[in-house]
Amino acid sequence: MTIPTILTLLRIALIPVFILAFYLPVSWSGAATAAIFTLAALTDWLDGFLARRMDQASSFGAFLDPVADKLMVAVALVLLVEANPSPWMSIPAAIIIGREIAVSALREWMAEIGKSTRVAVNMMGKIKTTCQMLALIFLLYGEPLMDFPVDTVGYVLLYIAAILTLWSMSIYLRKAWPSLHEKAP
């Protein structure tokens, strides 16, 4: 059990705490939820950094890390859609969750046929993830901070993340397209 893997498991363990904080009937629930999500996002960055820096990358960690990320993001989006049941929240949430499922399936299939490098994480995916994480932090916080319109900025970043989500998915699909048209063995 490596430090990066422990951090990834911590991120998964934070999910029930995150959900409980979201439903707390107190005024600081949004701040607590945003703080927990921020901690999870930071551990995502830190576990990858430490895995490379300390040469502690593992197959289990490589499998678990994206699962933990997708679980936390999907749970946050579902909770936000429940709290804000409108097309303005539901459409980008469905795009983001749908893309994660589609790209995960694509990566799994490409790995099965020995061509996983064609759909490796790229810079567009990293930019999308940054916008998405910031959007979710702002939307979970939900309250204006002095004169800063947290909610509005959160929505704008969520839509930017949804657009980048579609764009990055199209990049992955273009790279995988030749393999998708090969005859099955």
Protein backbone atom coordinates (compact mmCIF):
# COMPACT_ATOMS: atom_id res chain seq x y z
CA MET A 1 0.00 0.00 0.00
CA THR A 2 1.65 3.19 -1.24
CA ILE A 3 1.02 6.78 -0.15
CA PRO A 4 -0.58 7.67 -3.53
CA THR A 5 -2.94 4.68 -3.24
CA ILE A 6 -3.85 5.65 0.33
CA LEU A 7 -4.69 9.17 -0.92
CA THR A 8 -6.88 7.70 -3.65
CA LEU A 9 -8.68 5.48 -1.12
CA LEU A 10 -9.12 8.55 1.10
CA ARG A 11 -10.85 10.29 -1.81
CA ILE A 12 -13.31 7.41 -2.09
CA ALA A 13 -13.83 7.36 1.68
CA LEU A 14 -14.65 11.09 1.57
CA ILE A 15 -17.68 10.49 -0.67
CA PRO A 16 -20.14 9.55 2.15
CA VAL A 17 -18.78 12.43 4.27
CA PHE A 18 -19.26 14.74 1.28
CA ILE A 19 -22.87 13.58 0.84
CA LEU A 20 -23.63 14.01 4.55
CA ALA A 21 -22.13 17.52 4.53
CA PHE A 22 -24.26 18.41 1.49
CA TYR A 23 -27.46 17.52 3.35
CA LEU A 24 -26.57 19.10 6.69
CA PRO A 25 -29.34 21.52 7.68
CA VAL A 26 -26.87 24.25 8.67
CA SER A 27 -25.84 27.52 7.07
CA TRP A 28 -22.25 26.37 6.53
CA SER A 29 -23.18 23.18 4.65
CA GLY A 30 -22.15 24.65 1.27
CA ALA A 31 -18.78 25.75 2.62
CA ALA A 32 -18.17 22.33 4.20
CA THR A 33 -19.18 20.52 1.02
CA ALA A 34 -16.97 22.75 -1.13
CA ALA A 35 -14.06 22.24 1.30
CA ILE A 36 -14.41 18.44 1.19
CA PHE A 37 -14.59 18.50 -2.61
CA THR A 38 -11.53 20.78 -2.73
CA LEU A 39 -9.64 18.37 -0.46
CA ALA A 40 -10.57 15.50 -2.77
CA ALA A 41 -9.43 17.48 -5.84
CA LEU A 42 -6.13 18.30 -4.16
CA THR A 43 -5.52 14.66 -3.21
CA ASP A 44 -6.15 13.78 -6.86
CA TRP A 45 -3.32 16.08 -7.91
CA LEU A 46 -1.11 15.04 -4.97
CA ASP A 47 -1.43 11.29 -5.47
CA GLY A 48 -0.35 11.57 -9.11
CA PHE A 49 2.53 13.87 -8.20
CA LEU A 50 3.73 11.56 -5.41
CA ALA A 51 3.36 8.43 -7.54
CA ARG A 52 5.69 9.95 -10.13
CA ARG A 53 8.04 11.68 -7.68
CA MET A 54 8.44 8.74 -5.29
CA ASP A 55 8.31 6.16 -8.09
CA GLN A 56 5.27 4.56 -6.43
CA ALA A 57 3.06 4.14 -9.47
CA SER A 58 1.16 0.85 -9.41
CA SER A 59 -1.35 -0.95 -11.58
CA PHE A 60 -3.89 -0.83 -8.76
CA GLY A 61 -3.36 2.92 -8.34
CA ALA A 62 -3.62 3.49 -12.09
CA PHE A 63 -6.96 1.66 -12.06
CA LEU A 64 -8.32 3.21 -8.86
CA ASP A 65 -7.37 6.86 -9.43
CA PRO A 66 -9.73 7.57 -12.36
CA VAL A 67 -12.49 5.58 -10.64
CA ALA A 68 -12.19 7.77 -7.53
CA ASP A 69 -12.20 10.94 -9.63
CA LYS A 70 -15.25 9.95 -11.64
CA LEU A 71 -17.16 8.84 -8.54
CA MET A 72 -16.58 12.13 -6.73
CA VAL A 73 -17.46 14.24 -9.79
CA ALA A 74 -20.57 12.19 -10.61
CA VAL A 75 -21.80 12.36 -7.01
CA ALA A 76 -21.24 16.14 -6.92
CA LEU A 77 -23.11 16.62 -10.20
CA VAL A 78 -26.03 14.42 -9.12
CA LEU A 79 -26.34 16.33 -5.84
CA LEU A 80 -26.21 19.68 -7.66
CA VAL A 81 -28.88 18.56 -10.13
CA GLU A 82 -31.07 17.46 -7.23
CA ALA A 83 -30.59 20.82 -5.50
CA ASN A 84 -31.08 22.76 -8.77
CA PRO A 85 -33.49 20.70 -10.89
CA SER A 86 -33.40 22.68 -14.10
CA PRO A 87 -32.10 22.16 -17.62
CA TRP A 88 -29.34 24.69 -16.85
CA MET A 89 -27.80 22.23 -14.40
CA SER A 90 -29.03 18.93 -15.85
CA ILE A 91 -27.70 19.36 -19.40
CA PRO A 92 -24.02 20.03 -18.55
CA ALA A 93 -24.19 17.37 -15.80
CA ALA A 94 -25.50 14.78 -18.28
CA ILE A 95 -22.84 15.77 -20.83
CA ILE A 96 -20.02 15.46 -18.28
CA ILE A 97 -21.22 12.17 -16.76
CA GLY A 98 -22.02 10.72 -20.20
CA ARG A 99 -18.59 11.64 -21.53
CA GLU A 100 -16.87 10.05 -18.55
CA ILE A 101 -18.73 6.79 -19.13
CA ALA A 102 -18.08 6.85 -22.89
CA VAL A 103 -14.38 7.70 -22.62
CA SER A 104 -13.86 5.14 -19.84
CA ALA A 105 -15.44 2.46 -22.03
CA LEU A 106 -13.35 3.61 -25.01
CA ARG A 107 -10.14 3.48 -22.96
CA GLU A 108 -11.00 0.03 -21.63
CA TRP A 109 -11.71 -1.29 -25.12
CA MET A 110 -8.55 0.30 -26.57
CA ALA A 111 -6.51 -1.29 -23.77
CA GLU A 112 -8.05 -4.68 -24.61
CA ILE A 113 -6.89 -4.39 -28.21
CA GLY A 114 -3.45 -3.11 -27.18
CA LYS A 115 -3.87 0.47 -28.35
CA SER A 116 -4.39 2.37 -25.11
CA THR A 117 -1.71 4.95 -25.96
CA ARG A 118 -4.03 6.36 -28.63
CA VAL A 119 -6.45 7.50 -25.94
CA ALA A 120 -4.04 8.52 -23.21
CA VAL A 121 -4.89 11.60 -21.14
CA ASN A 122 -3.97 14.78 -23.00
CA MET A 123 -3.68 18.47 -22.16
CA MET A 124 -7.27 19.20 -23.23
CA GLY A 125 -8.47 16.68 -20.65
CA LYS A 126 -6.41 18.39 -17.95
CA ILE A 127 -7.82 21.83 -18.83
CA LYS A 128 -11.35 20.37 -18.85
CA THR A 129 -10.76 18.79 -15.45
CA THR A 130 -9.49 22.07 -13.97
CA CYS A 131 -12.56 24.00 -15.22
CA GLN A 132 -14.84 21.22 -14.02
CA MET A 133 -13.31 21.08 -10.53
CA LEU A 134 -13.43 24.86 -10.09
CA ALA A 135 -17.03 24.95 -11.35
CA LEU A 136 -18.08 22.27 -8.89
CA ILE A 137 -16.30 23.94 -5.98
CA PHE A 138 -18.06 27.25 -6.73
CA LEU A 139 -21.46 25.63 -7.29
CA LEU A 140 -21.18 23.54 -4.12
CA TYR A 141 -20.23 26.64 -2.12
CA GLY A 142 -23.17 28.42 -3.70
CA GLU A 143 -23.16 31.65 -1.71
CA PRO A 144 -21.85 35.02 -2.88
CA LEU A 145 -18.44 35.75 -1.40
CA MET A 146 -18.30 39.48 -0.74
CA ASP A 147 -19.02 40.89 -4.23
CA PHE A 148 -17.81 37.77 -6.07
CA PRO A 149 -20.74 35.98 -7.81
CA VAL A 150 -19.70 32.42 -6.89
CA ASP A 151 -22.81 30.79 -8.35
CA THR A 152 -22.64 32.66 -11.68
CA VAL A 153 -18.93 31.92 -12.12
CA GLY A 154 -19.65 28.29 -11.22
CA TYR A 155 -22.30 28.02 -13.94
CA VAL A 156 -20.06 29.68 -16.54
CA LEU A 157 -17.18 27.33 -15.69
CA LEU A 158 -19.56 24.34 -15.76
CA TYR A 159 -20.62 25.22 -19.29
CA ILE A 160 -17.01 25.76 -20.34
CA ALA A 161 -16.21 22.35 -18.81
CA ALA A 162 -19.13 20.76 -20.70
CA ILE A 163 -17.93 22.26 -24.00
CA LEU A 164 -14.35 21.14 -23.31
CA THR A 165 -15.75 17.73 -22.34
CA LEU A 166 -17.32 17.32 -25.77
CA TRP A 167 -14.21 18.66 -27.47
CA SER A 168 -11.84 16.33 -25.59
CA MET A 169 -14.16 13.38 -26.25
CA SER A 170 -14.06 14.18 -29.97
CA ILE A 171 -10.25 14.18 -29.81
CA TYR A 172 -10.26 10.74 -28.18
CA LEU A 173 -12.80 9.42 -30.69
CA ARG A 174 -10.78 10.75 -33.65
CA LYS A 175 -7.66 9.03 -32.32
CA ALA A 176 -9.55 5.78 -31.79
CA TRP A 177 -11.59 5.96 -35.01
CA PRO A 178 -9.26 3.82 -37.15
CA SER A 179 -9.36 1.08 -34.50
CA LEU A 180 -13.13 1.33 -34.23
CA HIS A 181 -13.43 0.46 -37.90
CA GLU A 182 -11.10 -2.53 -37.89
CA LYS A 183 -12.62 -5.93 -38.42
CA ALA A 184 -13.05 -7.92 -35.21
CA PRO A 185 -10.62 -10.86 -34.88
